Structure formats: structure tokens, C-alpha cells
PDB file of N, CA and C in Angstrom:
ATOM      1  N   MET A   1     -38.412  22.198-166.736  1.00  0.00           N
ATOM      2  CA  MET A   1     -39.681  22.999-166.135  1.00  0.00           C
ATOM      3  C   MET A   1     -39.758  24.347-166.102  1.00  0.00           C
ATOM      4  N   LYS A   2     -41.268  24.999-165.987  1.00  0.00           N
ATOM      5  CA  LYS A   2     -40.951  26.118-165.834  1.00  0.00           C
ATOM      6  C   LYS A   2     -41.929  26.728-164.707  1.00  0.00           C
ATOM      7  N   ARG A   3     -41.123  27.734-164.375  1.00  0.00           N
ATOM      8  CA  ARG A   3     -41.368  28.525-162.947  1.00  0.00           C
ATOM      9  C   ARG A   3     -42.764  29.529-162.975  1.00  0.00           C
ATOM     10  N   PHE A   4     -43.266  29.513-162.139  1.00  0.00           N
ATOM     11  CA  PHE A   4     -44.532  30.184-162.166  1.00  0.00           C
ATOM     12  C   PHE A   4     -44.659  30.918-160.871  1.00  0.00           C
ATOM     13  N   SER A   5     -44.950  32.247-161.210  1.00  0.00           N
ATOM     14  CA  SER A   5     -45.691  33.396-160.096  1.00  0.00           C
ATOM     15  C   SER A   5     -47.225  32.772-159.688  1.00  0.00           C
ATOM     16  N   CYS A   6     -47.721  33.367-158.762  1.00  0.00           N
ATOM     17  CA  CYS A   6     -48.417  33.295-158.260  1.00  0.00           C
ATOM     18  C   CYS A   6     -49.788  33.418-158.906  1.00  0.00           C
ATOM     19  N   SER A   7     -49.713  35.070-159.726  1.00  0.00           N
ATOM     20  CA  SER A   7     -51.035  35.223-160.356  1.00  0.00           C
ATOM     21  C   SER A   7     -50.693  33.991-161.921  1.00  0.00           C
ATOM     22  N   GLU A   8     -49.568  33.697-162.436  1.00  0.00           N
ATOM     23  CA  GLU A   8     -49.509  32.861-163.355  1.00  0.00           C
ATOM     24  C   GLU A   8     -50.331  31.907-163.202  1.00  0.00           C
ATOM     25  N   LEU A   9     -50.373  31.015-162.046  1.00  0.00           N
ATOM     26  CA  LEU A   9     -50.707  29.531-161.768  1.00  0.00           C
ATOM     27  C   LEU A   9     -52.493  30.005-161.431  1.00  0.00           C
ATOM     28  N   VAL A  10     -52.704  31.257-160.918  1.00  0.00           N
ATOM     29  CA  VAL A  10     -54.206  31.659-161.322  1.00  0.00           C
ATOM     30  C   VAL A  10     -54.798  31.624-162.825  1.00  0.00           C
ATOM     31  N   GLU A  11     -53.728  32.476-163.302  1.00  0.00           N
ATOM     32  CA  GLU A  11     -54.593  32.078-164.871  1.00  0.00           C
ATOM     33  C   GLU A  11     -54.723  30.947-165.340  1.00  0.00           C
ATOM     34  N   LEU A  12     -54.012  29.930-165.209  1.00  0.00           N
ATOM     35  CA  LEU A  12     -53.585  28.993-165.802  1.00  0.00           C
ATOM     36  C   LEU A  12     -54.628  27.696-164.820  1.00  0.00           C
ATOM     37  N   VAL A  13     -54.979  27.792-163.485  1.00  0.00           N
ATOM     38  CA  VAL A  13     -55.632  26.434-162.979  1.00  0.00           C
ATOM     39  C   VAL A  13     -56.855  26.194-163.674  1.00  0.00           C
ATOM     40  N   THR A  14     -57.311  26.341-164.685  1.00  0.00           N
ATOM     41  CA  THR A  14     -58.360  25.797-165.080  1.00  0.00           C
ATOM     42  C   THR A  14     -57.458  24.579-166.305  1.00  0.00           C
ATOM     43  N   ALA A  15     -56.760  25.080-167.070  1.00  0.00           N
ATOM     44  CA  ALA A  15     -55.729  23.826-167.814  1.00  0.00           C
ATOM     45  C   ALA A  15     -55.383  23.168-167.294  1.00  0.00           C
ATOM     46  N   TYR A  16     -54.688  23.997-165.867  1.00  0.00           N
ATOM     47  CA  TYR A  16     -54.432  22.255-165.497  1.00  0.00           C
ATOM     48  C   TYR A  16     -55.189  21.162-165.039  1.00  0.00           C
ATOM     49  N   LEU A  17     -56.563  22.159-164.098  1.00  0.00           N
ATOM     50  CA  LEU A  17     -57.907  20.924-163.903  1.00  0.00           C
ATOM     51  C   LEU A  17     -58.209  20.105-165.255  1.00  0.00           C
ATOM     52  N   ASP A  18     -57.970  20.537-166.426  1.00  0.00           N
ATOM     53  CA  ASP A  18     -58.643  20.428-167.730  1.00  0.00           C
ATOM     54  C   ASP A  18     -57.218  19.132-168.128  1.00  0.00           C
ATOM     55  N   ARG A  19     -56.623  19.277-167.354  1.00  0.00           N
ATOM     56  CA  ARG A  19     -55.373  18.738-167.944  1.00  0.00           C
ATOM     57  C   ARG A  19     -54.924  18.795-169.250  1.00  0.00           C
ATOM     58  N   ALA A  20     -54.579  20.157-169.740  1.00  0.00           N
ATOM     59  CA  ALA A  20     -54.676  20.619-170.855  1.00  0.00           C
ATOM     60  C   ALA A  20     -52.931  21.382-170.980  1.00  0.00           C
ATOM     61  N   LEU A  21     -52.202  21.311-169.598  1.00  0.00           N
ATOM     62  CA  LEU A  21     -51.060  22.231-169.798  1.00  0.00           C
ATOM     63  C   LEU A  21     -49.942  21.100-170.236  1.00  0.00           C
ATOM     64  N   ASP A  22     -48.829  21.353-171.102  1.00  0.00           N
ATOM     65  CA  ASP A  22     -48.131  20.543-171.464  1.00  0.00           C
ATOM     66  C   ASP A  22     -47.120  19.960-169.975  1.00  0.00           C
ATOM     67  N   GLU A  23     -46.486  19.175-170.534  1.00  0.00           N
ATOM     68  CA  GLU A  23     -45.712  18.471-169.117  1.00  0.00           C
ATOM     69  C   GLU A  23     -45.009  19.718-168.511  1.00  0.00           C
ATOM     70  N   PRO A  24     -43.673  20.321-169.031  1.00  0.00           N
ATOM     71  CA  PRO A  24     -43.029  21.175-168.292  1.00  0.00           C
ATOM     72  C   PRO A  24     -43.930  21.831-167.562  1.00  0.00           C
ATOM     73  N   SER A  25     -44.856  22.472-168.097  1.00  0.00           N
ATOM     74  CA  SER A  25     -45.780  23.672-167.660  1.00  0.00           C
ATOM     75  C   SER A  25     -46.748  22.705-166.388  1.00  0.00           C
ATOM     76  N   ARG A  26     -46.695  21.687-166.487  1.00  0.00           N
ATOM     77  CA  ARG A  26     -47.527  20.329-165.555  1.00  0.00           C
ATOM     78  C   ARG A  26     -46.732  21.162-164.171  1.00  0.00           C
ATOM     79  N   LEU A  27     -45.446  20.249-164.563  1.00  0.00           N
ATOM     80  CA  LEU A  27     -44.300  20.040-163.543  1.00  0.00           C
ATOM     81  C   LEU A  27     -44.349  21.358-162.635  1.00  0.00           C
ATOM     82  N   GLY A  28     -43.880  22.181-163.500  1.00  0.00           N
ATOM     83  CA  GLY A  28     -43.784  23.983-162.805  1.00  0.00           C
ATOM     84  C   GLY A  28     -44.980  24.435-162.029  1.00  0.00           C
ATOM     85  N   PHE A  29     -46.077  23.996-162.496  1.00  0.00           N
ATOM     86  CA  PHE A  29     -47.790  24.335-162.115  1.00  0.00           C
ATOM     87  C   PHE A  29     -47.226  23.422-160.130  1.00  0.00           C
ATOM     88  N   GLU A  30     -47.220  22.462-160.464  1.00  0.00           N
ATOM     89  CA  GLU A  30     -47.566  21.408-159.469  1.00  0.00           C
ATOM     90  C   GLU A  30     -46.570  21.627-158.678  1.00  0.00           C
ATOM     91  N   GLN A  31     -44.813  22.254-158.454  1.00  0.00           N
ATOM     92  CA  GLN A  31     -44.084  21.998-158.158  1.00  0.00           C
ATOM     93  C   GLN A  31     -44.106  24.100-157.050  1.00  0.00           C
ATOM     94  N   HIS A  32     -44.940  24.635-158.341  1.00  0.00           N
ATOM     95  CA  HIS A  32     -45.401  26.029-157.193  1.00  0.00           C
ATOM     96  C   HIS A  32     -46.391  25.565-156.461  1.00  0.00           C
ATOM     97  N   VAL A  33     -47.169  24.650-156.293  1.00  0.00           N
ATOM     98  CA  VAL A  33     -48.514  24.632-155.682  1.00  0.00           C
ATOM     99  C   VAL A  33     -47.803  23.638-154.345  1.00  0.00           C
ATOM    100  N   ALA A  34     -47.096  22.867-154.262  1.00  0.00           N
ATOM    101  CA  ALA A  34     -45.927  21.753-153.446  1.00  0.00           C
ATOM    102  C   ALA A  34     -45.685  23.043-152.431  1.00  0.00           C
ATOM    103  N   HIS A  35     -45.000  23.869-152.862  1.00  0.00           N
ATOM    104  CA  HIS A  35     -44.190  24.887-152.228  1.00  0.00           C
ATOM    105  C   HIS A  35     -45.556  26.357-151.656  1.00  0.00           C
ATOM    106  N   CYS A  36     -45.886  26.598-152.187  1.00  0.00           N
ATOM    107  CA  CYS A  36     -46.770  27.908-151.928  1.00  0.00           C
ATOM    108  C   CYS A  36     -48.443  27.629-150.853  1.00  0.00           C
ATOM    109  N   ASP A  37     -48.627  27.622-150.125  1.00  0.00           N
ATOM    110  CA  ASP A  37     -49.607  27.337-149.003  1.00  0.00           C
ATOM    111  C   ASP A  37     -51.190  28.288-149.508  1.00  0.00           C
ATOM    112  N   GLY A  38     -50.794  28.984-150.186  1.00  0.00           N
ATOM    113  CA  GLY A  38     -52.135  30.250-150.616  1.00  0.00           C
ATOM    114  C   GLY A  38     -52.741  29.385-152.589  1.00  0.00           C
ATOM    115  N   CYS A  39     -51.630  29.340-152.766  1.00  0.00           N
ATOM    116  CA  CYS A  39     -51.938  28.571-154.112  1.00  0.00           C
ATOM    117  C   CYS A  39     -52.789  27.466-154.490  1.00  0.00           C
ATOM    118  N   ALA A  40     -52.191  26.418-153.122  1.00  0.00           N
ATOM    119  CA  ALA A  40     -52.838  25.344-152.326  1.00  0.00           C
ATOM    120  C   ALA A  40     -54.123  25.475-152.484  1.00  0.00           C
ATOM    121  N   ARG A  41     -54.516  26.240-151.505  1.00  0.00           N
ATOM    122  CA  ARG A  41     -55.627  26.144-151.017  1.00  0.00           C
ATOM    123  C   ARG A  41     -56.634  26.697-152.440  1.00  0.00           C
ATOM    124  N   TYR A  42     -56.023  27.685-153.163  1.00  0.00           N
ATOM    125  CA  TYR A  42     -56.626  27.996-153.863  1.00  0.00           C
ATOM    126  C   TYR A  42     -56.706  27.109-155.354  1.00  0.00           C
ATOM    127  N   VAL A  43     -56.504  25.983-155.350  1.00  0.00           N
ATOM    128  CA  VAL A  43     -56.710  25.089-156.065  1.00  0.00           C
ATOM    129  C   VAL A  43     -57.496  24.246-155.774  1.00  0.00           C
ATOM    130  N   ASP A  44     -57.505  23.887-154.309  1.00  0.00           N
ATOM    131  CA  ASP A  44     -58.829  22.981-153.703  1.00  0.00           C
ATOM    132  C   ASP A  44     -59.480  23.750-154.087  1.00  0.00           C
ATOM    133  N   GLN A  45     -60.193  24.978-153.608  1.00  0.00           N
ATOM    134  CA  GLN A  45     -61.182  25.883-153.862  1.00  0.00           C
ATOM    135  C   GLN A  45     -61.495  25.837-155.045  1.00  0.00           C
ATOM    136  N   ILE A  46     -60.964  25.419-156.304  1.00  0.00           N
ATOM    137  CA  ILE A  46     -61.502  25.597-157.647  1.00  0.00           C
ATOM    138  C   ILE A  46     -62.037  23.845-157.483  1.00  0.00           C
ATOM    139  N   ARG A  47     -61.193  23.106-157.304  1.00  0.00           N
ATOM    140  CA  ARG A  47     -61.535  21.934-157.053  1.00  0.00           C
ATOM    141  C   ARG A  47     -62.957  21.538-156.704  1.00  0.00           C
ATOM    142  N   VAL A  48     -63.057  22.296-155.506  1.00  0.00           N
ATOM    143  CA  VAL A  48     -64.584  21.550-154.551  1.00  0.00           C
ATOM    144  C   VAL A  48     -65.563  22.519-155.354  1.00  0.00           C
ATOM    145  N   THR A  49     -65.404  23.624-155.744  1.00  0.00           N
ATOM    146  CA  THR A  49     -66.682  24.407-156.645  1.00  0.00           C
ATOM    147  C   THR A  49     -66.661  24.069-157.926  1.00  0.00           C
ATOM    148  N   VAL A  50     -66.004  23.309-158.854  1.00  0.00           N
ATOM    149  CA  VAL A  50     -65.725  22.370-160.354  1.00  0.00           C
ATOM    150  C   VAL A  50     -67.211  20.960-159.426  1.00  0.00           C
ATOM    151  N   ALA A  51     -66.696  19.882-159.180  1.00  0.00           N
ATOM    152  CA  ALA A  51     -67.006  19.318-158.315  1.00  0.00           C
ATOM    153  C   ALA A  51     -68.753  19.459-157.695  1.00  0.00           C
ATOM    154  N   ALA A  52     -68.827  20.858-157.024  1.00  0.00           N
ATOM    155  CA  ALA A  52     -70.031  21.035-156.564  1.00  0.00           C
ATOM    156  C   ALA A  52     -70.660  22.006-157.622  1.00  0.00           C
ATOM    157  N   LEU A  53     -70.033  21.975-158.671  1.00  0.00           N
ATOM    158  CA  LEU A  53     -71.275  22.381-159.709  1.00  0.00           C
ATOM    159  C   LEU A  53     -71.663  21.392-160.662  1.00  0.00           C
ATOM    160  N   ALA A  54     -70.664  20.406-160.591  1.00  0.00           N
ATOM    161  CA  ALA A  54     -70.970  19.348-162.071  1.00  0.00           C
ATOM    162  C   ALA A  54     -72.367  18.265-162.161  1.00  0.00           C
ATOM    163  N   ASP A  55     -73.080  18.757-161.063  1.00  0.00           N
ATOM    164  CA  ASP A  55     -74.129  17.989-161.679  1.00  0.00           C
ATOM    165  C   ASP A  55     -75.824  19.081-162.163  1.00  0.00           C
ATOM    166  N   LEU A  56     -75.114  20.540-162.129  1.00  0.00           N
ATOM    167  CA  LEU A  56     -76.302  21.452-162.461  1.00  0.00           C
ATOM    168  C   LEU A  56     -76.157  20.837-164.061  1.00  0.00           C
ATOM    169  N   PRO A  57     -77.709  21.249-164.743  1.00  0.00           N
ATOM    170  CA  PRO A  57     -78.225  21.421-166.045  1.00  0.00           C
ATOM    171  C   PRO A  57     -77.119  22.121-166.744  1.00  0.00           C
ATOM    172  N   PRO A  58     -77.193  21.708-168.337  1.00  0.00           N
ATOM    173  CA  PRO A  58     -76.545  22.858-169.123  1.00  0.00           C
ATOM    174  C   PRO A  58     -76.995  23.685-168.913  1.00  0.00           C
ATOM    175  N   ALA A  59     -76.389  24.556-169.879  1.00  0.00           N
ATOM    176  CA  ALA A  59     -76.525  26.419-169.948  1.00  0.00           C
ATOM    177  C   ALA A  59     -77.955  26.284-170.553  1.00  0.00           C
ATOM    178  N   GLY A  60     -78.927  27.486-170.001  1.00  0.00           N
ATOM    179  CA  GLY A  60     -80.027  27.576-170.683  1.00  0.00           C
ATOM    180  C   GLY A  60     -81.529  26.348-170.161  1.00  0.00           C
ATOM    181  N   ARG A  61     -80.724  25.523-169.463  1.00  0.00           N
ATOM    182  CA  ARG A  61     -81.501  24.447-169.029  1.00  0.00           C
ATOM    183  C   ARG A  61     -81.680  24.240-167.511  1.00  0.00           C
ATOM    184  N   ALA A  62     -80.876  25.656-166.835  1.00  0.00           N
ATOM    185  CA  ALA A  62     -80.810  25.796-165.902  1.00  0.00           C
ATOM    186  C   ALA A  62     -82.093  26.049-164.344  1.00  0.00           C
ATOM    187  N   PRO A  63     -82.323  25.046-163.384  1.00  0.00           N
ATOM    188  CA  PRO A  63     -83.717  25.023-162.411  1.00  0.00           C
ATOM    189  C   PRO A  63     -83.149  26.471-162.460  1.00  0.00           C
ATOM    190  N   THR A  64     -84.705  27.130-161.568  1.00  0.00           N
ATOM    191  CA  THR A  64     -84.501  28.152-160.834  1.00  0.00           C
ATOM    192  C   THR A  64     -84.282  28.408-159.385  1.00  0.00           C
ATOM    193  N   ALA A  65     -83.752  27.283-159.410  1.00  0.00           N
ATOM    194  CA  ALA A  65     -83.160  27.067-157.684  1.00  0.00           C
ATOM    195  C   ALA A  65     -82.376  26.076-157.506  1.00  0.00           C
ATOM    196  N   LEU A  66     -81.086  25.711-157.130  1.00  0.00           N
ATOM    197  CA  LEU A  66     -80.435  24.402-156.762  1.00  0.00           C
ATOM    198  C   LEU A  66     -80.932  23.879-155.844  1.00  0.00           C
ATOM    199  N   SER A  67     -80.470  22.638-156.147  1.00  0.00           N
ATOM    200  CA  SER A  67     -80.765  20.921-155.427  1.00  0.00           C
ATOM    201  C   SER A  67     -80.181  21.781-153.665  1.00  0.00           C
ATOM    202  N   PRO A  68     -81.271  20.819-153.410  1.00  0.00           N
ATOM    203  CA  PRO A  68     -80.530  21.014-151.205  1.00  0.00           C
ATOM    204  C   PRO A  68     -79.289  20.783-151.289  1.00  0.00           C
ATOM    205  N   ALA A  69     -78.683  19.458-151.932  1.00  0.00           N
ATOM    206  CA  ALA A  69     -77.678  19.039-152.271  1.00  0.00           C
ATOM    207  C   ALA A  69     -76.527  19.706-152.791  1.00  0.00           C
ATOM    208  N   THR A  70     -76.537  20.183-153.905  1.00  0.00           N
ATOM    209  CA  THR A  70     -76.129  21.478-154.184  1.00  0.00           C
ATOM    210  C   THR A  70     -75.692  22.410-153.498  1.00  0.00           C
ATOM    211  N   ARG A  71     -76.732  23.088-152.885  1.00  0.00           N
ATOM    212  CA  ARG A  71     -76.916  24.596-152.337  1.00  0.00           C
ATOM    213  C   ARG A  71     -76.006  23.854-151.099  1.00  0.00           C
ATOM    214  N   ASP A  72     -75.772  22.518-150.244  1.00  0.00           N
ATOM    215  CA  ASP A  72     -74.940  22.500-148.914  1.00  0.00           C
ATOM    216  C   ASP A  72     -73.550  22.182-149.736  1.00  0.00           C
ATOM    217  N   ARG A  73     -73.293  21.469-150.420  1.00  0.00           N
ATOM    218  CA  ARG A  73     -72.303  21.660-151.597  1.00  0.00           C
ATOM    219  C   ARG A  73     -71.288  22.819-151.005  1.00  0.00           C
ATOM    220  N   LEU A  74     -72.510  23.782-151.854  1.00  0.00           N
ATOM    221  CA  LEU A  74     -71.726  25.078-152.118  1.00  0.00           C
ATOM    222  C   LEU A  74     -71.526  26.066-150.730  1.00  0.00           C
ATOM    223  N   LEU A  75     -72.107  25.981-149.896  1.00  0.00           N
ATOM    224  CA  LEU A  75     -72.229  26.737-148.810  1.00  0.00           C
ATOM    225  C   LEU A  75     -70.699  26.130-148.091  1.00  0.00           C
ATOM    226  N   ALA A  76     -70.387  24.736-148.038  1.00  0.00           N
ATOM    227  CA  ALA A  76     -69.772  24.070-147.112  1.00  0.00           C
ATOM    228  C   ALA A  76     -68.185  24.430-148.219  1.00  0.00           C
ATOM    229  N   ALA A  77     -68.108  24.604-149.314  1.00  0.00           N
ATOM    230  CA  ALA A  77     -67.250  25.260-150.015  1.00  0.00           C
ATOM    231  C   ALA A  77     -66.650  26.471-149.766  1.00  0.00           C
ATOM    232  N   PHE A  78     -67.499  27.505-149.517  1.00  0.00           N
ATOM    233  CA  PHE A  78     -67.710  28.996-149.148  1.00  0.00           C
ATOM    234  C   PHE A  78     -67.301  29.016-147.869  1.00  0.00           C
ATOM    235  N   ARG A  79     -67.947  28.735-146.809  1.00  0.00           N
ATOM    236  CA  ARG A  79     -67.498  28.260-145.328  1.00  0.00           C
ATOM    237  C   ARG A  79     -65.529  27.782-145.353  1.00  0.00           C
ATOM    238  N   ARG A  80     -65.203  27.029-145.979  1.00  0.00           N
ATOM    239  CA  ARG A  80     -63.943  26.607-146.106  1.00  0.00           C
ATOM    240  C   ARG A  80     -62.950  27.593-146.586  1.00  0.00           C
ATOM    241  N   SER A  81     -63.418  27.939-147.470  1.00  0.00           N
ATOM    242  CA  SER A  81     -62.895  29.132-148.108  1.00  0.00           C
ATOM    243  C   SER A  81     -62.168  30.178-147.623  1.00  0.00           C
ATOM    244  N   ARG A  82     -63.957  30.486-146.694  1.00  0.00           N
ATOM    245  CA  ARG A  82     -63.896  31.755-145.939  1.00  0.00           C
ATOM    246  C   ARG A  82     -62.584  31.432-144.768  1.00  0.00           C
ATOM    247  N   SER A  83     -63.343  30.367-143.988  1.00  0.00           N
ATOM    248  CA  SER A  83     -62.056  30.128-142.598  1.00  0.00           C
ATOM    249  C   SER A  83     -60.603  29.817-143.457  1.00  0.00           C
ATOM    250  N   SER A  84     -60.495  29.456-144.155  1.00  0.00           N
ATOM    251  CA  SER A  84     -58.607  29.544-144.845  1.00  0.00           C
ATOM    252  C   SER A  84     -58.311  30.630-145.554  1.00  0.00           C
ATOM    253  N   ARG A  85     -58.835  31.838-145.944  1.00  0.00           N
ATOM    254  CA  ARG A  85     -58.319  32.812-145.899  1.00  0.00           C
ATOM    255  C   ARG A  85     -58.422  33.598-144.441  1.00  0.00           C
ATOM    256  N   HIS A  86     -59.141  33.326-143.329  1.00  0.00           N
ATOM    257  CA  HIS A  86     -58.769  34.302-142.072  1.00  0.00           C
ATOM    258  C   HIS A  86     -57.780  33.465-141.127  1.00  0.00           C
ATOM    259  N   GLY A  87     -57.719  32.562-141.545  1.00  0.00           N
ATOM    260  CA  GLY A  87     -56.629  31.953-140.627  1.00  0.00           C
ATOM    261  C   GLY A  87     -57.073  30.692-139.612  1.00  0.00           C
ATOM    262  N   SER A  88     -58.482  30.847-140.215  1.00  0.00           N
ATOM    263  CA  SER A  88     -59.077  30.003-139.335  1.00  0.00           C
ATOM    264  C   SER A  88     -59.192  28.226-139.028  1.00  0.00           C
ATOM    265  N   ALA A  89     -58.631  27.661-138.156  1.00  0.00           N
ATOM    266  CA  ALA A  89     -58.187  25.764-138.359  1.00  0.00           C
ATOM    267  C   ALA A  89     -59.351  25.048-137.918  1.00  0.00           C
ATOM    268  N   SER A  90     -60.238  25.838-137.619  1.00  0.00           N
ATOM    269  CA  SER A  90     -60.921  25.591-136.394  1.00  0.00           C
ATOM    270  C   SER A  90     -62.570  25.238-136.728  1.00  0.00           C
ATOM    271  N   ALA A  91     -62.073  26.052-137.969  1.00  0.00           N
ATOM    272  CA  ALA A  91     -63.754  25.845-138.791  1.00  0.00           C
ATOM    273  C   ALA A  91     -64.228  24.284-139.657  1.00  0.00           C
TER     274      ALA A  91
END
């Protein structure tokens, strides 16, 4: 199983979420996230962002404005991100 630093994990988060890591890398990634609160929050924030953007049209056909539901989800993800970085448990 590979061991990752936080900066290495950040570089691999997309591959992890796309299930493109080999098994030793995936296991090392998951072990690091299990023991690193900062990286666990980062992976969760990327998951939320990907989910919030999933319903946008393909590139080149994007609307001039986000739908209200997409806008609300992105704002909620941003607020959660800001509150977790500032250590606020009440947000």
C-alpha cells in the first residue's frame, strides 16, 4: 500500500473519485483520508462540488445563469467549506 502526503493526495483526488487509482494507491489514499481530517474535508468538498455541477449542460452550451437549485447547492457547499476551514461547528 502506498503512503501519501497531503499534497500528493490533493493531486490524486480526481483520479480517486473517478475510480482510476490502482488498488495499492486507492488503499493508501483511503488510509490517509481516514487519519487526516483536513484531507477528509477536502475530499468531501470536492465530492459536493462535483455533485452540484453534475446537472450543468456540456461545455459550450452553458446557460448564462445557473438554475436556482444549482446556485443554492453551490452556495451551501461554499458555506460548509468556509465554516470547516474556520473551525466553526455551528454553520
